[in-house]
Amino acid sequence: MKRPPAAPPAPDPAHRPPEGRLEAAIGRAVRAFRLRHDLTVAALAARAGLSVGMLSKIENGRTSPSLATIQRLADALGVPVSAFLRSYDEQRDAVYVPAGQGLAIERRGTRAGHQYQLLGHGIGKRVAVEPYLITLTEKSEVFPVFQHAGQEFIHMLAGEVVYRHGVKAWLLRPGDSLLFDADAPHGPEELRRLPIRFLSILVSEREER
């Protein structure tokens, strides 16, 4: 007797189309509440009047439960229906960059020996966010005349630098931070202790296309 072919593995929720992500979000929420109540799949299925197989499909995001089914699960777990949708509403994009694998970027200061590593970028948002790891060495030049739209946040990691913004200047050491409007001239004015490394996060309104 031939065995029936094995069912294909469930697709990764991260690669599902948008309509599949809702089912995955509901499934994760149902499982989380079930475990919080210390219930087995069989126990929750019995409370909600569902088969174990159906509940298993729901928790794994492999089926789209009806509103009536979602309501029965909510009643069985003592939570509002909206609790199952909250995680879907709160989903956000993320960019992961392993250590040392930031993308080398050519920017205005590159010609002055400033090394830029892009650590991520905003995805499909109205606000552009660009985090950089900037390294200054003995080959780097002072360049306190950067100007661009938006705001910039820098956080010192290593070394010491006198950093100018407009008419003011600060001696920045590891652990120091500076947040400023980036349309004023700014940048490193004096390289006190090398190598210098700091995070620079640029935030600006994305231009409409």
N, C-alpha and C. Protein backbone atom coordinates (compact mmCIF):
# COMPACT_ATOMS: atom_id res chain seq x y z
N MET A 1 0.85 -1.19 0.00
CA MET A 1 0.00 0.00 0.00
C MET A 1 0.89 1.25 0.00
N LYS A 2 0.64 2.12 -0.97
CA LYS A 2 1.45 3.32 -1.07
C LYS A 2 1.07 4.35 -0.02
N ARG A 3 2.09 4.95 0.53
CA ARG A 3 1.83 6.04 1.48
C ARG A 3 1.46 7.30 0.70
N PRO A 4 0.54 8.07 1.23
CA PRO A 4 0.22 9.33 0.57
C PRO A 4 1.42 10.26 0.61
N PRO A 5 1.60 11.08 -0.41
CA PRO A 5 2.76 11.99 -0.41
C PRO A 5 2.73 12.92 0.79
N ALA A 6 3.92 13.21 1.30
CA ALA A 6 4.02 14.09 2.48
C ALA A 6 3.55 15.48 2.11
N ALA A 7 2.88 16.11 3.04
CA ALA A 7 2.42 17.48 2.80
C ALA A 7 3.61 18.42 2.76
N PRO A 8 3.59 19.39 1.87
CA PRO A 8 4.72 20.34 1.82
C PRO A 8 4.80 21.14 3.11
N PRO A 9 5.99 21.55 3.50
CA PRO A 9 6.13 22.33 4.72
C PRO A 9 5.39 23.66 4.60
N ALA A 10 4.93 24.16 5.74
CA ALA A 10 4.24 25.45 5.74
C ALA A 10 5.23 26.53 5.35
N PRO A 11 4.82 27.47 4.50
CA PRO A 11 5.73 28.55 4.10
C PRO A 11 6.11 29.43 5.27
N ASP A 12 7.30 29.97 5.18
CA ASP A 12 7.77 30.89 6.21
C ASP A 12 6.88 32.13 6.20
N PRO A 13 6.31 32.51 7.36
CA PRO A 13 5.43 33.70 7.40
C PRO A 13 6.10 34.94 6.84
N ALA A 14 7.41 35.05 7.00
CA ALA A 14 8.08 36.26 6.52
C ALA A 14 8.04 36.37 5.00
N HIS A 15 7.82 35.22 4.30
CA HIS A 15 7.82 35.24 2.84
C HIS A 15 6.42 35.04 2.29
N ARG A 16 5.43 35.07 3.12
CA ARG A 16 4.08 34.94 2.64
C ARG A 16 3.57 36.25 2.08
N PRO A 17 2.60 36.17 1.19
CA PRO A 17 1.98 37.42 0.74
C PRO A 17 1.26 38.06 1.90
N PRO A 18 0.89 39.36 1.79
CA PRO A 18 0.27 40.08 2.91
C PRO A 18 -0.91 39.37 3.51
N GLU A 19 -1.77 38.71 2.65
CA GLU A 19 -2.94 38.07 3.23
C GLU A 19 -2.57 36.88 4.10
N GLY A 20 -1.40 36.26 3.85
CA GLY A 20 -0.97 35.14 4.67
C GLY A 20 -0.39 35.58 6.00
N ARG A 21 0.09 36.79 6.09
CA ARG A 21 0.68 37.27 7.32
C ARG A 21 -0.37 37.46 8.41
N LEU A 22 -1.59 37.78 8.02
CA LEU A 22 -2.65 37.94 9.01
C LEU A 22 -2.94 36.62 9.69
N GLU A 23 -3.05 35.55 8.91
CA GLU A 23 -3.28 34.22 9.49
C GLU A 23 -2.14 33.83 10.43
N ALA A 24 -0.89 34.14 10.00
CA ALA A 24 0.27 33.81 10.83
C ALA A 24 0.24 34.60 12.14
N ALA A 25 -0.14 35.88 12.07
CA ALA A 25 -0.20 36.72 13.27
C ALA A 25 -1.27 36.20 14.23
N ILE A 26 -2.43 35.83 13.70
CA ILE A 26 -3.50 35.28 14.54
C ILE A 26 -3.03 33.98 15.19
N GLY A 27 -2.38 33.13 14.39
CA GLY A 27 -1.90 31.85 14.92
C GLY A 27 -0.91 32.02 16.05
N ARG A 28 0.03 32.95 15.88
CA ARG A 28 1.02 33.19 16.94
C ARG A 28 0.35 33.71 18.20
N ALA A 29 -0.65 34.58 18.03
CA ALA A 29 -1.34 35.13 19.19
C ALA A 29 -2.12 34.05 19.92
N VAL A 30 -2.81 33.18 19.18
CA VAL A 30 -3.58 32.10 19.80
C VAL A 30 -2.64 31.19 20.59
N ARG A 31 -1.52 30.83 19.99
CA ARG A 31 -0.57 29.95 20.68
C ARG A 31 -0.03 30.62 21.94
N ALA A 32 0.31 31.91 21.83
CA ALA A 32 0.86 32.62 22.98
C ALA A 32 -0.13 32.65 24.14
N PHE A 33 -1.41 32.94 23.86
CA PHE A 33 -2.41 32.98 24.92
C PHE A 33 -2.66 31.58 25.48
N ARG A 34 -2.63 30.58 24.61
CA ARG A 34 -2.84 29.20 25.09
C ARG A 34 -1.74 28.80 26.06
N LEU A 35 -0.49 29.10 25.70
CA LEU A 35 0.63 28.75 26.57
C LEU A 35 0.59 29.56 27.86
N ARG A 36 0.14 30.81 27.77
CA ARG A 36 0.03 31.64 28.97
C ARG A 36 -0.97 31.04 29.95
N HIS A 37 -2.01 30.39 29.41
CA HIS A 37 -3.03 29.75 30.26
C HIS A 37 -2.66 28.31 30.60
N ASP A 38 -1.47 27.88 30.15
CA ASP A 38 -0.99 26.52 30.43
C ASP A 38 -1.98 25.47 29.91
N LEU A 39 -2.45 25.67 28.70
CA LEU A 39 -3.40 24.74 28.08
C LEU A 39 -2.73 23.98 26.96
N THR A 40 -3.09 22.71 26.82
CA THR A 40 -2.63 21.94 25.67
C THR A 40 -3.51 22.29 24.47
N VAL A 41 -3.06 21.88 23.29
CA VAL A 41 -3.86 22.10 22.09
C VAL A 41 -5.22 21.42 22.24
N ALA A 42 -5.20 20.20 22.78
CA ALA A 42 -6.44 19.45 22.94
C ALA A 42 -7.39 20.15 23.92
N ALA A 43 -6.83 20.69 25.00
CA ALA A 43 -7.67 21.33 26.01
C ALA A 43 -8.33 22.59 25.45
N LEU A 44 -7.56 23.40 24.73
CA LEU A 44 -8.14 24.62 24.17
C LEU A 44 -9.14 24.28 23.07
N ALA A 45 -8.82 23.27 22.27
CA ALA A 45 -9.75 22.87 21.21
C ALA A 45 -11.09 22.45 21.81
N ALA A 46 -11.04 21.70 22.93
CA ALA A 46 -12.28 21.27 23.58
C ALA A 46 -13.05 22.47 24.12
N ARG A 47 -12.36 23.42 24.71
CA ARG A 47 -13.03 24.61 25.24
C ARG A 47 -13.71 25.41 24.14
N ALA A 48 -13.06 25.49 22.98
CA ALA A 48 -13.58 26.31 21.90
C ALA A 48 -14.51 25.55 20.95
N GLY A 49 -14.64 24.24 21.18
CA GLY A 49 -15.50 23.45 20.30
C GLY A 49 -14.90 23.25 18.93
N LEU A 50 -13.57 23.14 18.87
CA LEU A 50 -12.88 22.91 17.60
C LEU A 50 -12.17 21.58 17.62
N SER A 51 -11.85 21.06 16.44
CA SER A 51 -11.04 19.85 16.39
C SER A 51 -9.59 20.21 16.67
N VAL A 52 -8.82 19.24 17.15
CA VAL A 52 -7.41 19.47 17.41
C VAL A 52 -6.69 19.84 16.12
N GLY A 53 -7.07 19.17 15.03
CA GLY A 53 -6.44 19.44 13.74
C GLY A 53 -6.69 20.87 13.28
N MET A 54 -7.92 21.36 13.46
CA MET A 54 -8.23 22.72 13.05
C MET A 54 -7.45 23.74 13.88
N LEU A 55 -7.40 23.52 15.20
CA LEU A 55 -6.66 24.45 16.05
C LEU A 55 -5.18 24.45 15.70
N SER A 56 -4.65 23.27 15.39
CA SER A 56 -3.24 23.18 15.00
C SER A 56 -2.99 23.98 13.72
N LYS A 57 -3.90 23.89 12.76
CA LYS A 57 -3.75 24.66 11.52
C LYS A 57 -3.81 26.16 11.79
N ILE A 58 -4.71 26.56 12.69
CA ILE A 58 -4.82 27.98 13.02
C ILE A 58 -3.53 28.48 13.66
N GLU A 59 -3.00 27.73 14.61
CA GLU A 59 -1.79 28.17 15.31
C GLU A 59 -0.59 28.24 14.38
N ASN A 60 -0.60 27.40 13.34
CA ASN A 60 0.51 27.39 12.40
C ASN A 60 0.28 28.31 11.21
N GLY A 61 -0.81 29.07 11.24
CA GLY A 61 -1.09 30.02 10.18
C GLY A 61 -1.40 29.37 8.85
N ARG A 62 -1.92 28.15 8.87
CA ARG A 62 -2.17 27.41 7.63
C ARG A 62 -3.62 27.45 7.19
N THR A 63 -4.45 28.20 7.92
CA THR A 63 -5.83 28.36 7.52
C THR A 63 -6.33 29.72 7.97
N SER A 64 -7.36 30.19 7.30
CA SER A 64 -7.94 31.48 7.66
C SER A 64 -9.20 31.24 8.47
N PRO A 65 -9.14 31.42 9.80
CA PRO A 65 -10.31 31.13 10.63
C PRO A 65 -11.41 32.15 10.41
N SER A 66 -12.65 31.68 10.49
CA SER A 66 -13.79 32.57 10.35
C SER A 66 -13.89 33.47 11.58
N LEU A 67 -14.69 34.53 11.47
CA LEU A 67 -14.89 35.41 12.61
C LEU A 67 -15.53 34.66 13.77
N ALA A 68 -16.44 33.74 13.43
CA ALA A 68 -17.10 32.95 14.49
C ALA A 68 -16.07 32.10 15.24
N THR A 69 -15.12 31.51 14.49
CA THR A 69 -14.08 30.69 15.12
C THR A 69 -13.17 31.54 16.00
N ILE A 70 -12.81 32.73 15.49
CA ILE A 70 -11.96 33.63 16.29
C ILE A 70 -12.68 34.04 17.57
N GLN A 71 -13.98 34.29 17.48
CA GLN A 71 -14.75 34.66 18.66
C GLN A 71 -14.78 33.53 19.67
N ARG A 72 -14.93 32.29 19.19
CA ARG A 72 -14.96 31.14 20.11
C ARG A 72 -13.62 30.97 20.80
N LEU A 73 -12.55 31.19 20.07
CA LEU A 73 -11.22 31.09 20.69
C LEU A 73 -11.01 32.22 21.71
N ALA A 74 -11.48 33.41 21.36
CA ALA A 74 -11.37 34.53 22.29
C ALA A 74 -12.13 34.25 23.58
N ASP A 75 -13.36 33.71 23.45
CA ASP A 75 -14.16 33.38 24.63
C ASP A 75 -13.48 32.30 25.47
N ALA A 76 -12.89 31.31 24.78
CA ALA A 76 -12.24 30.20 25.49
C ALA A 76 -11.01 30.67 26.25
N LEU A 77 -10.35 31.69 25.73
CA LEU A 77 -9.12 32.19 26.36
C LEU A 77 -9.37 33.41 27.24
N GLY A 78 -10.60 33.93 27.21
CA GLY A 78 -10.93 35.08 28.05
C GLY A 78 -10.25 36.36 27.61
N VAL A 79 -10.11 36.54 26.29
CA VAL A 79 -9.48 37.76 25.77
C VAL A 79 -10.38 38.35 24.70
N PRO A 80 -10.26 39.64 24.40
CA PRO A 80 -11.05 40.23 23.31
C PRO A 80 -10.53 39.77 21.96
N VAL A 81 -11.39 39.77 20.96
CA VAL A 81 -10.98 39.38 19.62
C VAL A 81 -9.82 40.23 19.14
N SER A 82 -9.82 41.51 19.49
CA SER A 82 -8.76 42.42 19.04
C SER A 82 -7.37 41.99 19.51
N ALA A 83 -7.31 41.19 20.58
CA ALA A 83 -6.02 40.74 21.08
C ALA A 83 -5.29 39.87 20.06
N PHE A 84 -6.06 39.16 19.21
CA PHE A 84 -5.45 38.31 18.20
C PHE A 84 -4.91 39.12 17.02
N LEU A 85 -5.41 40.33 16.85
CA LEU A 85 -5.02 41.16 15.71
C LEU A 85 -3.94 42.16 16.05
N ARG A 86 -3.70 42.32 17.35
CA ARG A 86 -2.77 43.36 17.79
C ARG A 86 -1.37 43.14 17.23
N SER A 87 -0.90 41.90 17.24
CA SER A 87 0.45 41.66 16.77
C SER A 87 0.58 41.92 15.28
N TYR A 88 -0.52 41.71 14.53
CA TYR A 88 -0.49 42.01 13.10
C TYR A 88 -0.39 43.51 12.87
N ASP A 89 -1.18 44.27 13.63
CA ASP A 89 -1.17 45.72 13.51
C ASP A 89 0.18 46.29 13.88
N GLU A 90 0.89 45.61 14.81
CA GLU A 90 2.15 46.16 15.31
C GLU A 90 3.37 45.67 14.54
N GLN A 91 3.16 44.88 13.47
CA GLN A 91 4.31 44.40 12.72
C GLN A 91 5.05 45.58 12.09
N ARG A 92 6.37 45.52 12.14
CA ARG A 92 7.21 46.57 11.58
C ARG A 92 8.34 45.92 10.79
N ASP A 93 8.84 46.64 9.81
CA ASP A 93 9.96 46.14 9.05
C ASP A 93 11.24 46.26 9.87
N ALA A 94 12.21 45.44 9.54
CA ALA A 94 13.49 45.46 10.24
C ALA A 94 14.60 45.13 9.26
N VAL A 95 15.76 45.69 9.48
CA VAL A 95 16.94 45.40 8.67
C VAL A 95 18.04 44.90 9.61
N TYR A 96 18.56 43.69 9.35
CA TYR A 96 19.61 43.11 10.18
C TYR A 96 20.92 43.16 9.42
N VAL A 97 21.95 43.71 10.04
CA VAL A 97 23.28 43.77 9.44
C VAL A 97 24.27 43.12 10.41
N PRO A 98 24.85 41.97 10.05
CA PRO A 98 25.83 41.33 10.94
C PRO A 98 27.05 42.21 11.16
N ALA A 99 27.74 41.98 12.25
CA ALA A 99 28.92 42.78 12.59
C ALA A 99 29.94 42.75 11.45
N GLY A 100 30.42 43.93 11.11
CA GLY A 100 31.45 44.04 10.09
C GLY A 100 30.95 43.96 8.66
N GLN A 101 29.64 43.87 8.46
CA GLN A 101 29.12 43.71 7.10
C GLN A 101 28.28 44.91 6.65
N GLY A 102 28.52 46.06 7.27
CA GLY A 102 27.84 47.26 6.79
C GLY A 102 28.30 47.59 5.37
N LEU A 103 27.42 48.18 4.58
CA LEU A 103 27.73 48.49 3.19
C LEU A 103 28.58 49.76 3.12
N ALA A 104 29.75 49.67 2.48
CA ALA A 104 30.60 50.85 2.31
C ALA A 104 29.91 51.83 1.38
N ILE A 105 29.81 53.08 1.80
CA ILE A 105 29.06 54.09 1.06
C ILE A 105 29.96 55.27 0.70
N GLU A 106 29.80 55.78 -0.52
CA GLU A 106 30.49 57.00 -0.92
C GLU A 106 29.62 58.19 -0.54
N ARG A 107 30.10 59.02 0.38
CA ARG A 107 29.40 60.24 0.75
C ARG A 107 30.37 61.41 0.61
N ARG A 108 29.84 62.59 0.88
CA ARG A 108 30.63 63.80 0.68
C ARG A 108 31.97 63.77 1.43
N GLY A 109 31.98 63.20 2.64
CA GLY A 109 33.20 63.18 3.43
C GLY A 109 34.17 62.08 3.07
N THR A 110 33.77 61.17 2.16
CA THR A 110 34.64 60.06 1.81
C THR A 110 35.96 60.55 1.23
N ARG A 111 35.89 61.61 0.44
CA ARG A 111 37.12 62.16 -0.17
C ARG A 111 38.07 62.72 0.89
N ALA A 112 37.54 63.01 2.07
CA ALA A 112 38.39 63.52 3.16
C ALA A 112 38.88 62.38 4.06
N GLY A 113 38.71 61.14 3.60
CA GLY A 113 39.21 59.99 4.36
C GLY A 113 38.26 59.49 5.42
N HIS A 114 36.99 59.90 5.37
CA HIS A 114 36.00 59.41 6.33
C HIS A 114 35.38 58.13 5.77
N GLN A 115 35.42 57.06 6.56
CA GLN A 115 34.88 55.77 6.12
C GLN A 115 33.44 55.62 6.62
N TYR A 116 32.54 55.36 5.70
CA TYR A 116 31.12 55.22 6.03
C TYR A 116 30.68 53.77 5.78
N GLN A 117 30.04 53.20 6.79
CA GLN A 117 29.40 51.89 6.63
C GLN A 117 27.92 52.06 6.92
N LEU A 118 27.08 51.84 5.92
CA LEU A 118 25.64 51.93 6.11
C LEU A 118 25.16 50.69 6.85
N LEU A 119 24.46 50.89 7.97
CA LEU A 119 24.02 49.78 8.82
C LEU A 119 22.55 49.43 8.62
N GLY A 120 21.85 50.14 7.75
CA GLY A 120 20.44 49.84 7.51
C GLY A 120 19.81 51.02 6.80
N HIS A 121 18.53 50.92 6.57
CA HIS A 121 17.82 52.03 5.93
C HIS A 121 16.34 51.87 6.18
N GLY A 122 15.62 53.00 6.18
CA GLY A 122 14.18 52.94 6.33
C GLY A 122 13.55 52.26 5.14
N ILE A 123 12.46 51.49 5.37
CA ILE A 123 11.84 50.71 4.30
C ILE A 123 10.44 51.24 4.04
N GLY A 124 10.25 51.82 2.89
CA GLY A 124 8.92 52.24 2.47
C GLY A 124 8.23 53.18 3.43
N LYS A 125 8.97 54.05 4.08
CA LYS A 125 8.39 54.97 5.05
C LYS A 125 8.47 56.40 4.53
N ARG A 126 7.66 57.28 5.12
CA ARG A 126 7.70 58.69 4.75
C ARG A 126 8.92 59.38 5.32
N VAL A 127 9.50 58.78 6.36
CA VAL A 127 10.71 59.34 6.98
C VAL A 127 11.90 58.47 6.62
N ALA A 128 12.94 59.07 6.09
CA ALA A 128 14.16 58.34 5.74
C ALA A 128 15.07 58.26 6.96
N VAL A 129 15.55 57.07 7.28
CA VAL A 129 16.46 56.85 8.41
C VAL A 129 17.70 56.13 7.88
N GLU A 130 18.87 56.73 8.09
CA GLU A 130 20.12 56.15 7.60
C GLU A 130 21.14 56.07 8.74
N PRO A 131 21.37 54.89 9.32
CA PRO A 131 22.38 54.76 10.36
C PRO A 131 23.74 54.39 9.75
N TYR A 132 24.77 55.09 10.14
CA TYR A 132 26.12 54.85 9.63
C TYR A 132 27.08 54.60 10.78
N LEU A 133 28.08 53.77 10.52
CA LEU A 133 29.24 53.64 11.39
C LEU A 133 30.36 54.39 10.68
N ILE A 134 30.86 55.45 11.30
CA ILE A 134 31.87 56.30 10.68
C ILE A 134 33.20 56.11 11.40
N THR A 135 34.25 55.92 10.59
CA THR A 135 35.59 55.72 11.14
C THR A 135 36.52 56.79 10.59
N LEU A 136 37.26 57.44 11.49
CA LEU A 136 38.26 58.43 11.12
C LEU A 136 39.63 57.92 11.56
N THR A 137 40.61 58.00 10.67
CA THR A 137 41.96 57.52 10.96
C THR A 137 42.96 58.65 10.70
N GLU A 138 44.25 58.30 10.76
CA GLU A 138 45.29 59.30 10.51
C GLU A 138 45.23 59.84 9.08
N LYS A 139 44.55 59.13 8.19
CA LYS A 139 44.41 59.58 6.81
C LYS A 139 43.22 60.53 6.64
N SER A 140 42.42 60.68 7.68
CA SER A 140 41.21 61.50 7.57
C SER A 140 41.52 62.97 7.76
N GLU A 141 40.73 63.81 7.11
CA GLU A 141 40.86 65.25 7.24
C GLU A 141 39.70 65.81 8.05
N VAL A 142 39.92 66.97 8.67
CA VAL A 142 38.80 67.65 9.34
C VAL A 142 37.89 68.18 8.25
N PHE A 143 36.59 68.18 8.55
CA PHE A 143 35.62 68.56 7.52
C PHE A 143 34.35 69.05 8.20
N PRO A 144 34.40 70.24 8.83
CA PRO A 144 33.25 70.71 9.63
C PRO A 144 32.22 71.48 8.83
N VAL A 145 32.02 71.11 7.55
CA VAL A 145 31.11 71.89 6.72
C VAL A 145 30.04 71.02 6.04
N PHE A 146 29.73 69.89 6.67
CA PHE A 146 28.61 69.09 6.15
C PHE A 146 27.32 69.88 6.31
N GLN A 147 26.42 69.77 5.35
CA GLN A 147 25.09 70.35 5.47
C GLN A 147 24.12 69.47 4.68
N HIS A 148 23.00 69.12 5.30
CA HIS A 148 21.99 68.32 4.61
C HIS A 148 20.67 68.48 5.34
N ALA A 149 19.64 68.01 4.75
CA ALA A 149 18.31 68.14 5.35
C ALA A 149 18.14 67.23 6.55
N GLY A 150 17.18 67.56 7.41
CA GLY A 150 16.81 66.69 8.52
C GLY A 150 17.62 66.92 9.79
N GLN A 151 17.65 65.88 10.62
CA GLN A 151 18.40 65.91 11.87
C GLN A 151 19.41 64.77 11.89
N GLU A 152 20.42 64.93 12.73
CA GLU A 152 21.46 63.91 12.84
C GLU A 152 21.74 63.65 14.32
N PHE A 153 21.94 62.38 14.63
CA PHE A 153 22.31 61.96 15.98
C PHE A 153 23.63 61.22 15.88
N ILE A 154 24.62 61.62 16.68
CA ILE A 154 25.88 60.89 16.69
C ILE A 154 26.17 60.41 18.11
N HIS A 155 26.79 59.24 18.19
CA HIS A 155 27.14 58.64 19.49
C HIS A 155 28.55 58.11 19.38
N MET A 156 29.44 58.61 20.23
CA MET A 156 30.85 58.25 20.17
C MET A 156 31.10 56.83 20.70
N LEU A 157 31.92 56.10 19.95
CA LEU A 157 32.29 54.74 20.35
C LEU A 157 33.76 54.64 20.75
N ALA A 158 34.62 55.36 20.04
CA ALA A 158 36.05 55.27 20.33
C ALA A 158 36.74 56.56 19.89
N GLY A 159 37.86 56.87 20.56
CA GLY A 159 38.64 58.05 20.21
C GLY A 159 38.06 59.33 20.80
N GLU A 160 38.63 60.46 20.37
CA GLU A 160 38.16 61.78 20.81
C GLU A 160 38.17 62.72 19.62
N VAL A 161 37.13 63.54 19.50
CA VAL A 161 37.02 64.46 18.39
C VAL A 161 36.35 65.75 18.86
N VAL A 162 36.83 66.87 18.34
CA VAL A 162 36.12 68.13 18.55
C VAL A 162 35.14 68.25 17.39
N TYR A 163 33.87 68.25 17.71
CA TYR A 163 32.82 68.24 16.68
C TYR A 163 32.10 69.57 16.68
N ARG A 164 32.08 70.22 15.52
CA ARG A 164 31.45 71.54 15.41
C ARG A 164 30.06 71.44 14.81
N HIS A 165 29.15 72.27 15.36
CA HIS A 165 27.82 72.46 14.78
C HIS A 165 27.52 73.94 14.83
N GLY A 166 27.45 74.58 13.66
CA GLY A 166 27.23 76.02 13.63
C GLY A 166 28.36 76.76 14.32
N VAL A 167 28.02 77.58 15.32
CA VAL A 167 29.04 78.38 16.01
C VAL A 167 29.56 77.70 17.27
N LYS A 168 29.06 76.50 17.59
CA LYS A 168 29.49 75.81 18.80
C LYS A 168 30.29 74.57 18.46
N ALA A 169 31.14 74.14 19.42
CA ALA A 169 31.93 72.93 19.23
C ALA A 169 31.99 72.17 20.55
N TRP A 170 32.03 70.85 20.46
CA TRP A 170 32.06 69.99 21.65
C TRP A 170 33.20 68.99 21.52
N LEU A 171 33.87 68.71 22.64
CA LEU A 171 34.83 67.62 22.68
C LEU A 171 34.05 66.35 23.01
N LEU A 172 34.02 65.42 22.07
CA LEU A 172 33.25 64.19 22.24
C LEU A 172 34.18 63.02 22.53
N ARG A 173 33.85 62.31 23.60
CA ARG A 173 34.57 61.11 24.00
C ARG A 173 33.62 59.92 23.97
N PRO A 174 34.14 58.68 24.09
CA PRO A 174 33.27 57.51 24.06
C PRO A 174 32.12 57.63 25.06
N GLY A 175 30.91 57.39 24.58
CA GLY A 175 29.72 57.49 25.41
C GLY A 175 28.98 58.80 25.24
N ASP A 176 29.65 59.82 24.68
CA ASP A 176 28.99 61.11 24.45
C ASP A 176 28.08 61.04 23.23
N SER A 177 27.03 61.85 23.24
CA SER A 177 26.08 61.91 22.13
C SER A 177 25.79 63.35 21.77
N LEU A 178 25.36 63.56 20.54
CA LEU A 178 25.00 64.89 20.07
C LEU A 178 23.86 64.75 19.06
N LEU A 179 22.80 65.53 19.27
CA LEU A 179 21.65 65.55 18.36
C LEU A 179 21.49 66.97 17.86
N PHE A 180 21.36 67.15 16.53
CA PHE A 180 21.33 68.52 16.01
C PHE A 180 20.60 68.59 14.68
N ASP A 181 20.20 69.82 14.34
CA ASP A 181 19.64 70.10 13.02
C ASP A 181 20.78 70.06 12.01
N ALA A 182 20.60 69.25 10.98
CA ALA A 182 21.72 69.00 10.06
C ALA A 182 21.84 70.02 8.94
N ASP A 183 20.93 71.00 8.88
CA ASP A 183 21.06 72.00 7.82
C ASP A 183 22.07 73.09 8.17
N ALA A 184 22.58 73.08 9.42
CA ALA A 184 23.67 73.98 9.80
C ALA A 184 25.00 73.29 9.52
N PRO A 185 26.06 74.05 9.17
CA PRO A 185 27.37 73.42 8.93
C PRO A 185 27.83 72.63 10.16
N HIS A 186 28.30 71.41 9.93
CA HIS A 186 28.73 70.57 11.05
C HIS A 186 29.77 69.56 10.58
N GLY A 187 30.46 68.97 11.56
CA GLY A 187 31.43 67.94 11.25
C GLY A 187 32.62 67.99 12.19
N PRO A 188 33.56 67.04 12.04
CA PRO A 188 34.74 66.99 12.91
C PRO A 188 35.69 68.15 12.60
N GLU A 189 36.07 68.89 13.65
CA GLU A 189 36.95 70.05 13.48
C GLU A 189 38.37 69.76 13.93
N GLU A 190 38.51 68.86 14.91
CA GLU A 190 39.85 68.50 15.40
C GLU A 190 39.82 67.04 15.83
N LEU A 191 40.76 66.26 15.29
CA LEU A 191 40.85 64.84 15.61
C LEU A 191 41.82 64.68 16.78
N ARG A 192 41.29 64.51 17.98
CA ARG A 192 42.12 64.52 19.19
C ARG A 192 42.81 63.17 19.43
N ARG A 193 42.06 62.08 19.33
CA ARG A 193 42.63 60.75 19.60
C ARG A 193 42.08 59.76 18.59
N LEU A 194 43.00 59.12 17.85
CA LEU A 194 42.63 58.20 16.78
C LEU A 194 42.87 56.76 17.20
N PRO A 195 42.18 55.81 16.55
CA PRO A 195 41.12 56.02 15.57
C PRO A 195 39.83 56.48 16.25
N ILE A 196 39.01 57.19 15.50
CA ILE A 196 37.73 57.69 16.00
C ILE A 196 36.61 56.90 15.32
N ARG A 197 35.69 56.43 16.13
CA ARG A 197 34.54 55.70 15.56
C ARG A 197 33.28 56.21 16.26
N PHE A 198 32.26 56.50 15.46
CA PHE A 198 30.99 56.92 16.05
C PHE A 198 29.84 56.52 15.14
N LEU A 199 28.69 56.35 15.77
CA LEU A 199 27.46 56.10 15.04
C LEU A 199 26.87 57.43 14.62
N SER A 200 26.39 57.49 13.40
CA SER A 200 25.72 58.69 12.89
C SER A 200 24.38 58.24 12.31
N ILE A 201 23.30 58.78 12.84
CA ILE A 201 21.96 58.41 12.36
C ILE A 201 21.31 59.64 11.76
N LEU A 202 21.05 59.59 10.46
CA LEU A 202 20.44 60.71 9.74
C LEU A 202 18.95 60.44 9.58
N VAL A 203 18.16 61.43 9.93
CA VAL A 203 16.70 61.32 9.83
C VAL A 203 16.18 62.52 9.06
N SER A 204 15.43 62.25 8.00
CA SER A 204 14.88 63.34 7.19
C SER A 204 13.58 62.89 6.55
N GLU A 205 12.80 63.84 6.10
CA GLU A 205 11.56 63.52 5.42
C GLU A 205 11.89 63.04 4.01
N ARG A 206 11.32 61.90 3.64
CA ARG A 206 11.60 61.34 2.33
C ARG A 206 10.93 62.18 1.25
N GLU A 207 11.67 62.45 0.18
CA GLU A 207 11.12 63.26 -0.90
C GLU A 207 10.07 62.46 -1.67
N GLU A 208 8.98 63.12 -2.05
CA GLU A 208 7.94 62.50 -2.85
C GLU A 208 8.45 62.34 -4.28
N ARG A 209 8.10 61.18 -4.87
CA ARG A 209 8.53 60.94 -6.26
C ARG A 209 7.30 60.90 -7.16
